[in-house]
Amino acid sequence: MPQRARSIDRRSFARRARLTAVPARQVDRQQSVTCDTIIHGATPCPSRGADDWLRPAPPMAHSQRVKSAVVKRQHNEQYACVASPTQQLSKDEGDHMRLMSSYTRSDLKQLAQRVVPHHLQTLARRALRKESDLDPYRFPRMGTEQIIEDIRAKYGFDGDLLRIFANNKSGIVHKWHHYIPIYDHYLSPYRGQKLRFLEIGVSKGGSLQMWREYFGPQATIYGIDIDQACRSYDGIAAQVRIGSQVDGDFLRSVIDEMGGIDVVLDDGSHHMEHVRKTLRQLFPKLSDGGLYMIEDLHTAYWRDFGGGYRSRKNFFQLVLDLSHDIHRWYHRQHPLVPGIGDHCRAVHVHDSIVVLEKGKVFAPVHSRVGSA
């Protein structure tokens, strides 16, 4: 055969092989046509018709047979890992059940990683994390008096917010017990004032109801959430707007509607990236003397929420950077968190809660008074 004709035939064969070759996982291992024949053993046969392009491969040497067997085993293993239960059941239900029973935990994890989308895997891990890691801390008695007594005995707090929280009947509010005295410590000066308060995360609406009763009717209270179902709480205890906490345009529109902002409580996704982005968007818009509170920061230690112990993405690393910025007078370095660190008067760290105070920052001075 002329050289040109032979090269054309090879290109034609390659094109036909791509279009018509059967995927390895669909090959019945009991049939005479094997993975070896389909992938490695087919050769063009110019003496036959245009559509009759396959013929059995010539006998292989021992080394070729060994290599082919290895390739076939690899394809069979791939078939076992990714084939759907329906495909295997159609062949033999008994074989399928024996195969599934032979899977190890690692096999099932690899199968889930191939089949389940990444964002669904993340949601599942977060749900399991909440159940497994937080259950040991769940208060075993749900009665109103028991909750009041627990907070009063442990934290010495017996203020109005305790009774508002424990006696809540409108919506569902879910709070750690030690949060209640922390809230009151920072937020009590705003009671009875024309406060502009924004809560990120509406959930079941109970938290907004609690804040309305605590701050009073003159406070402007807004809540934002990405869940469309939260629209049902709009206009009951507060105004509710639907949107993402990392959407800058959405946040600006809400603040404009509120007429400014004095206090932010971030109880949103608790994901490290979201917490940082929201802080950078909203802290510069706080009024002087305002507060920025972030709760449930135990998630900073969980990789499923973008954190990790001593991870650079852990939010408490940003808190450390802010403390450096507050002390910039003594090291004279550039701000590590520009736009926040140069307007932050104080950083308060509690168990799972961080509170940032915004205000004018002045260079420190010192005096010596008295007489020797």
Protein backbone atom coordinates (compact mmCIF):
# COMPACT_ATOMS: atom_id res chain seq x y z
CA MET A 1 0.00 0.00 0.00
CA PRO A 2 1.35 3.48 -0.84
CA GLN A 3 2.58 5.45 2.15
CA ARG A 4 -0.06 8.20 1.75
CA ALA A 5 -2.92 5.72 1.61
CA ARG A 6 -1.63 3.95 4.71
CA SER A 7 -1.43 7.22 6.68
CA ILE A 8 -4.97 8.17 5.63
CA ASP A 9 -6.23 4.78 6.73
CA ARG A 10 -4.60 5.23 10.14
CA ARG A 11 -6.29 8.59 10.64
CA SER A 12 -9.60 7.10 9.57
CA PHE A 13 -9.14 4.23 12.01
CA ALA A 14 -8.31 6.60 14.89
CA ARG A 15 -11.39 8.68 14.13
CA ARG A 16 -13.65 5.61 14.00
CA ALA A 17 -12.12 4.25 17.21
CA ARG A 18 -12.99 7.45 19.09
CA LEU A 19 -16.55 7.46 17.80
CA THR A 20 -17.48 3.80 18.12
CA ALA A 21 -15.29 2.20 20.79
CA VAL A 22 -17.34 0.85 23.71
CA PRO A 23 -16.50 2.30 27.15
CA ALA A 24 -14.61 -0.20 29.25
CA ARG A 25 -17.14 -0.22 32.10
CA GLN A 26 -19.93 -1.27 29.68
CA VAL A 27 -18.12 -4.37 28.49
CA ASP A 28 -19.48 -7.67 29.72
CA ARG A 29 -16.53 -9.60 31.01
CA GLN A 30 -18.16 -12.87 29.87
CA GLN A 31 -18.24 -11.82 26.23
CA SER A 32 -15.47 -12.72 23.85
CA VAL A 33 -14.76 -9.04 23.13
CA THR A 34 -12.62 -7.78 26.01
CA CYS A 35 -11.13 -4.49 27.05
CA ASP A 36 -7.86 -5.65 25.52
CA THR A 37 -9.45 -6.09 22.08
CA ILE A 38 -11.32 -2.81 22.17
CA ILE A 39 -8.52 -0.64 23.49
CA HIS A 40 -5.32 -2.33 22.44
CA GLY A 41 -6.13 -5.24 20.13
CA ALA A 42 -8.02 -3.68 17.20
CA THR A 43 -6.09 -3.13 13.96
CA PRO A 44 -7.23 -1.67 10.63
CA CYS A 45 -7.96 -4.20 7.89
CA PRO A 46 -7.67 -2.46 4.49
CA SER A 47 -8.70 -5.59 2.60
CA ARG A 48 -12.24 -5.44 4.04
CA GLY A 49 -15.05 -2.98 3.51
CA ALA A 50 -15.14 0.52 4.88
CA ASP A 51 -17.42 -0.47 7.78
CA ASP A 52 -15.67 -3.74 8.55
CA TRP A 53 -12.64 -2.20 10.17
CA LEU A 54 -11.92 -4.49 13.13
CA ARG A 55 -10.19 -7.81 13.16
CA PRO A 56 -8.80 -9.84 16.07
CA ALA A 57 -5.34 -8.85 17.15
CA PRO A 58 -2.45 -11.14 16.35
CA PRO A 59 -1.10 -13.31 19.16
CA MET A 60 0.68 -11.21 21.76
CA ALA A 61 4.04 -11.85 23.32
CA HIS A 62 4.21 -12.73 27.02
CA SER A 63 5.18 -9.17 28.05
CA GLN A 64 2.28 -7.76 26.03
CA ARG A 65 -0.15 -10.19 27.65
CA VAL A 66 1.04 -9.17 31.11
CA LYS A 67 0.65 -5.49 30.27
CA SER A 68 -2.79 -6.09 28.78
CA ALA A 69 -3.88 -8.00 31.87
CA VAL A 70 -2.79 -5.11 34.08
CA VAL A 71 -4.73 -2.63 31.94
CA LYS A 72 -7.79 -4.87 32.01
CA ARG A 73 -7.62 -5.18 35.80
CA GLN A 74 -7.35 -1.40 36.13
CA HIS A 75 -10.44 -0.93 33.98
CA ASN A 76 -12.31 -3.56 35.93
CA GLU A 77 -11.42 -1.81 39.19
CA GLN A 78 -12.62 1.47 37.75
CA TYR A 79 -15.83 -0.24 36.70
CA ALA A 80 -16.35 -1.54 40.21
CA CYS A 81 -15.80 1.92 41.70
CA VAL A 82 -17.97 4.06 39.45
CA ALA A 83 -20.65 1.79 38.05
CA SER A 84 -24.11 2.63 39.30
CA PRO A 85 -26.12 0.06 41.32
CA THR A 86 -28.58 -0.21 38.44
CA GLN A 87 -25.85 -1.32 36.03
CA GLN A 88 -24.62 -4.03 38.34
CA LEU A 89 -28.09 -5.17 39.38
CA SER A 90 -29.01 -5.64 35.76
CA LYS A 91 -26.19 -8.15 35.50
CA ASP A 92 -26.60 -10.05 38.71
CA GLU A 93 -28.23 -8.81 41.90
CA GLY A 94 -26.35 -11.34 43.98
CA ASP A 95 -23.00 -10.20 42.63
CA HIS A 96 -24.02 -6.62 43.32
CA MET A 97 -24.90 -7.32 46.93
CA ARG A 98 -21.68 -9.20 47.52
CA LEU A 99 -19.73 -6.37 45.91
CA MET A 100 -21.41 -3.73 48.07
CA SER A 101 -20.85 -5.75 51.23
CA SER A 102 -17.13 -5.97 50.39
CA TYR A 103 -16.74 -2.17 50.20
CA THR A 104 -14.69 -0.62 52.98
CA ARG A 105 -15.35 2.79 54.50
CA SER A 106 -12.57 4.20 52.32
CA ASP A 107 -14.17 2.73 49.18
CA LEU A 108 -17.53 4.32 49.99
CA LYS A 109 -15.87 7.67 50.72
CA GLN A 110 -14.12 7.59 47.33
CA LEU A 111 -17.38 6.65 45.63
CA ALA A 112 -19.18 9.56 47.30
CA GLN A 113 -16.43 11.97 46.25
CA ARG A 114 -16.85 10.88 42.61
CA VAL A 115 -20.64 10.89 42.52
CA VAL A 116 -21.86 13.57 44.99
CA PRO A 117 -21.27 17.22 44.03
CA HIS A 118 -18.74 19.06 46.18
CA HIS A 119 -21.21 21.60 47.61
CA LEU A 120 -23.55 18.81 48.73
CA GLN A 121 -20.64 17.02 50.39
CA THR A 122 -19.84 20.23 52.27
CA LEU A 123 -23.43 20.67 53.44
CA ALA A 124 -23.54 17.07 54.63
CA ARG A 125 -20.28 17.46 56.55
CA ARG A 126 -21.56 20.63 58.20
CA ALA A 127 -24.79 18.91 59.25
CA LEU A 128 -22.88 15.97 60.68
CA ARG A 129 -20.46 18.37 62.37
CA LYS A 130 -23.32 20.19 64.10
CA GLU A 131 -24.86 16.95 65.30
CA SER A 132 -21.71 15.18 66.42
CA ASP A 133 -19.68 18.06 67.87
CA LEU A 134 -22.42 20.13 69.50
CA ASP A 135 -24.63 17.42 71.00
CA PRO A 136 -22.41 17.00 74.09
CA TYR A 137 -23.07 20.67 74.91
CA ARG A 138 -26.84 20.60 74.47
CA PHE A 139 -28.66 21.63 77.64
CA PRO A 140 -30.61 18.53 78.69
CA ARG A 141 -33.61 20.34 80.25
CA MET A 142 -35.69 22.63 78.04
CA GLY A 143 -38.04 24.13 80.65
CA THR A 144 -38.07 27.90 81.08
CA GLU A 145 -37.19 27.83 84.76
CA GLN A 146 -34.32 25.38 84.21
CA ILE A 147 -32.80 27.60 81.52
CA ILE A 148 -33.09 30.69 83.72
CA GLU A 149 -31.58 28.90 86.69
CA ASP A 150 -28.67 27.54 84.64
CA ILE A 151 -27.68 30.98 83.28
CA ARG A 152 -28.20 32.66 86.64
CA ALA A 153 -26.11 30.09 88.53
CA LYS A 154 -23.22 29.91 86.03
CA TYR A 155 -22.86 33.53 84.93
CA GLY A 156 -24.50 35.52 87.74
CA PHE A 157 -26.82 37.21 85.25
CA ASP A 158 -30.47 37.92 85.97
CA GLY A 159 -31.34 40.73 83.56
CA ASP A 160 -34.34 41.33 81.30
CA LEU A 161 -32.72 39.63 78.32
CA LEU A 162 -32.59 36.35 80.23
CA ARG A 163 -36.34 36.29 80.74
CA ILE A 164 -37.02 37.49 77.19
CA PHE A 165 -34.92 34.66 75.80
CA ALA A 166 -36.20 31.91 78.09
CA ASN A 167 -39.87 32.89 77.69
CA ASN A 168 -39.79 33.27 73.92
CA LYS A 169 -42.92 31.87 72.27
CA SER A 170 -42.77 33.59 68.87
CA GLY A 171 -40.55 31.77 66.39
CA ILE A 172 -37.50 29.76 67.38
CA VAL A 173 -34.39 31.36 68.86
CA HIS A 174 -31.31 29.18 69.40
CA LYS A 175 -28.53 30.67 71.54
CA TRP A 176 -25.68 29.39 73.68
CA HIS A 177 -26.38 30.22 77.32
CA HIS A 178 -23.21 32.23 77.84
CA TYR A 179 -24.19 34.54 74.96
CA ILE A 180 -27.03 36.12 76.95
CA PRO A 181 -24.94 38.03 79.54
CA ILE A 182 -22.43 38.99 76.81
CA TYR A 183 -25.23 40.48 74.70
CA ASP A 184 -26.52 42.46 77.64
CA HIS A 185 -23.06 43.75 78.58
CA TYR A 186 -22.50 45.38 75.18
CA LEU A 187 -26.03 46.16 74.01
CA SER A 188 -27.79 47.42 77.15
CA PRO A 189 -26.64 51.06 76.54
CA TYR A 190 -28.68 51.06 73.32
CA ARG A 191 -31.99 50.13 74.98
CA GLY A 192 -34.62 52.81 74.63
CA GLN A 193 -32.54 54.62 71.99
CA LYS A 194 -33.12 55.17 68.28
CA LEU A 195 -30.85 52.29 67.44
CA ARG A 196 -30.22 51.02 63.89
CA PHE A 197 -29.59 47.31 64.32
CA LEU A 198 -28.81 44.76 61.61
CA GLU A 199 -28.78 41.01 62.22
CA ILE A 200 -27.28 38.75 59.57
CA GLY A 201 -29.17 35.46 59.61
CA VAL A 202 -32.92 35.32 60.26
CA SER A 203 -33.43 31.55 60.48
CA LYS A 204 -36.76 30.90 62.27
CA GLY A 205 -37.45 34.52 63.20
CA GLY A 206 -37.21 34.11 66.97
CA SER A 207 -34.03 36.16 67.32
CA LEU A 208 -35.58 39.24 65.69
CA GLN A 209 -38.54 38.94 68.04
CA MET A 210 -36.16 38.79 71.00
CA TRP A 211 -34.32 41.93 69.87
CA ARG A 212 -37.53 43.85 69.31
CA GLU A 213 -38.69 43.16 72.84
CA TYR A 214 -35.26 43.98 74.23
CA PHE A 215 -34.54 47.25 72.37
CA GLY A 216 -38.07 48.60 72.26
CA PRO A 217 -40.39 49.98 69.56
CA GLN A 218 -38.23 52.99 68.63
CA ALA A 219 -35.34 50.83 67.35
CA THR A 220 -34.90 50.23 63.63
CA ILE A 221 -34.26 46.49 63.28
CA TYR A 222 -33.49 44.69 60.04
CA GLY A 223 -32.59 41.10 59.33
CA ILE A 224 -31.10 39.62 56.16
CA ASP A 225 -30.99 36.03 54.95
CA ILE A 226 -30.54 34.10 51.70
CA ASP A 227 -33.47 31.80 52.48
CA GLN A 228 -36.59 32.92 50.62
CA ALA A 229 -38.75 31.36 53.34
CA CYS A 230 -37.60 34.12 55.70
CA ARG A 231 -39.80 36.59 53.82
CA SER A 232 -42.65 35.36 55.99
CA TYR A 233 -41.08 37.17 58.99
CA ASP A 234 -40.93 40.54 57.23
CA GLY A 235 -42.86 43.23 59.08
CA ILE A 236 -43.61 41.15 62.21
CA ALA A 237 -40.85 42.11 64.64
CA ALA A 238 -38.47 43.66 62.10
CA GLN A 239 -37.91 44.25 58.42
CA VAL A 240 -36.47 41.27 56.53
CA ARG A 241 -34.60 41.48 53.25
CA ILE A 242 -33.45 38.53 51.15
CA GLY A 243 -29.90 38.52 49.83
CA SER A 244 -26.35 37.35 50.40
CA GLN A 245 -24.15 38.68 53.18
CA VAL A 246 -21.23 38.90 50.75
CA ASP A 247 -23.14 40.87 48.10
CA GLY A 248 -21.82 44.43 48.46
CA ASP A 249 -24.58 46.05 46.41
CA PHE A 250 -27.26 44.27 48.43
CA LEU A 251 -25.70 45.29 51.74
CA ARG A 252 -25.41 48.91 50.64
CA SER A 253 -29.06 48.98 49.61
CA VAL A 254 -30.14 47.64 53.01
CA ILE A 255 -28.02 50.18 54.90
CA ASP A 256 -29.36 53.02 52.76
CA GLU A 257 -32.88 51.85 53.53
CA MET A 258 -32.07 51.79 57.25
CA GLY A 259 -30.60 55.28 57.12
CA GLY A 260 -27.26 54.13 58.51
CA ILE A 261 -26.17 51.49 60.97
CA ASP A 262 -25.07 51.43 64.62
CA VAL A 263 -24.81 47.73 65.53
CA VAL A 264 -24.20 44.64 63.38
CA LEU A 265 -24.67 41.09 64.67
CA ASP A 266 -23.25 38.52 62.26
CA ASP A 267 -25.10 35.25 62.84
CA GLY A 268 -25.04 34.25 59.17
CA SER A 269 -23.24 31.43 57.38
CA HIS A 270 -20.34 31.33 59.91
CA HIS A 271 -18.00 30.52 57.01
CA MET A 272 -14.62 32.20 57.38
CA GLU A 273 -14.58 33.72 53.91
CA HIS A 274 -18.09 35.13 54.34
CA VAL A 275 -17.35 36.50 57.82
CA ARG A 276 -14.28 38.36 56.53
CA LYS A 277 -15.97 39.75 53.41
CA THR A 278 -19.00 40.95 55.35
CA LEU A 279 -16.79 42.63 57.96
CA ARG A 280 -14.85 44.49 55.27
CA GLN A 281 -18.10 45.66 53.69
CA LEU A 282 -19.98 46.75 56.81
CA PHE A 283 -17.44 47.91 59.40
CA PRO A 284 -16.52 51.10 57.47
CA LYS A 285 -20.25 51.96 57.35
CA LEU A 286 -20.75 51.73 61.10
CA SER A 287 -21.38 54.99 62.94
CA ASP A 288 -18.73 56.18 65.37
CA GLY A 289 -19.29 54.43 68.67
CA GLY A 290 -20.92 51.50 66.89
CA LEU A 291 -20.40 47.81 67.56
CA TYR A 292 -19.70 44.91 65.24
CA MET A 293 -20.43 41.53 66.84
CA ILE A 294 -19.66 38.13 65.32
CA GLU A 295 -20.97 35.01 67.00
CA ASP A 296 -20.60 31.23 66.68
CA LEU A 297 -16.91 31.61 65.92
CA HIS A 298 -16.18 28.09 67.14
CA THR A 299 -16.57 27.38 63.41
CA ALA A 300 -13.20 29.12 62.97
CA TYR A 301 -11.64 25.82 64.06
CA TRP A 302 -13.56 23.68 61.55
CA ARG A 303 -12.20 23.09 58.06
CA ASP A 304 -15.72 22.57 56.71
CA PHE A 305 -16.31 26.26 57.46
CA GLY A 306 -13.03 27.39 55.91
CA GLY A 307 -11.10 27.46 59.19
CA GLY A 308 -8.88 25.11 61.15
CA TYR A 309 -6.72 25.13 64.27
CA ARG A 310 -3.90 27.64 63.74
CA SER A 311 -4.97 27.98 60.11
CA ARG A 312 -4.23 31.32 58.48
CA LYS A 313 -7.90 31.43 57.43
CA ASN A 314 -9.06 31.06 61.02
CA PHE A 315 -10.86 34.30 61.89
CA PHE A 316 -8.91 34.65 65.11
CA GLN A 317 -5.81 35.21 62.99
CA LEU A 318 -7.51 38.35 61.68
CA VAL A 319 -8.31 39.28 65.28
CA LEU A 320 -4.59 39.00 66.04
CA ASP A 321 -3.81 41.24 63.07
CA LEU A 322 -6.31 43.79 64.39
CA SER A 323 -4.59 43.79 67.76
CA HIS A 324 -1.32 44.60 65.97
CA ASP A 325 -3.04 47.47 64.16
CA ILE A 326 -4.40 48.85 67.45
CA HIS A 327 -0.82 48.95 68.75
CA ARG A 328 0.61 50.43 65.55
CA TRP A 329 2.02 53.40 67.52
CA TYR A 330 4.68 51.15 68.96
CA HIS A 331 5.83 49.20 65.92
CA ARG A 332 5.12 51.76 63.15
CA GLN A 333 4.25 49.13 60.55
CA HIS A 334 1.56 49.46 57.91
CA PRO A 335 -1.95 48.32 58.93
CA LEU A 336 -2.53 44.61 58.43
CA VAL A 337 -6.30 45.11 58.10
CA PRO A 338 -6.66 48.48 56.34
CA GLY A 339 -10.03 50.14 56.59
CA ILE A 340 -10.77 48.33 59.85
CA GLY A 341 -7.65 48.35 62.00
CA ASP A 342 -7.15 52.12 61.74
CA HIS A 343 -10.74 52.78 62.97
CA CYS A 344 -11.03 50.03 65.58
CA ARG A 345 -10.76 51.24 69.19
CA ALA A 346 -10.99 47.85 70.87
CA VAL A 347 -11.33 44.12 70.22
CA HIS A 348 -13.14 41.95 72.77
CA VAL A 349 -12.79 38.19 72.54
CA HIS A 350 -15.19 35.82 74.29
CA ASP A 351 -15.98 32.16 73.81
CA SER A 352 -17.21 32.07 70.18
CA ILE A 353 -17.95 35.82 70.14
CA VAL A 354 -15.81 38.73 68.98
CA VAL A 355 -16.88 42.35 69.50
CA LEU A 356 -15.23 45.23 67.63
CA GLU A 357 -15.69 48.85 68.72
CA LYS A 358 -15.55 51.52 66.06
CA GLY A 359 -14.56 55.10 66.75
CA LYS A 360 -11.98 57.81 66.29
CA VAL A 361 -8.52 56.66 67.30
CA PHE A 362 -6.04 59.15 68.74
CA ALA A 363 -2.33 58.82 69.23
CA PRO A 364 -1.64 57.93 72.86
CA VAL A 365 -0.12 60.44 75.25
CA HIS A 366 1.07 60.08 78.84
CA SER A 367 1.55 62.44 81.79
CA ARG A 368 3.34 62.37 85.09
CA VAL A 369 1.49 64.06 87.97
CA GLY A 370 2.08 64.45 91.66
CA SER A 371 5.06 65.57 93.65
CA ALA A 372 8.00 63.68 95.06
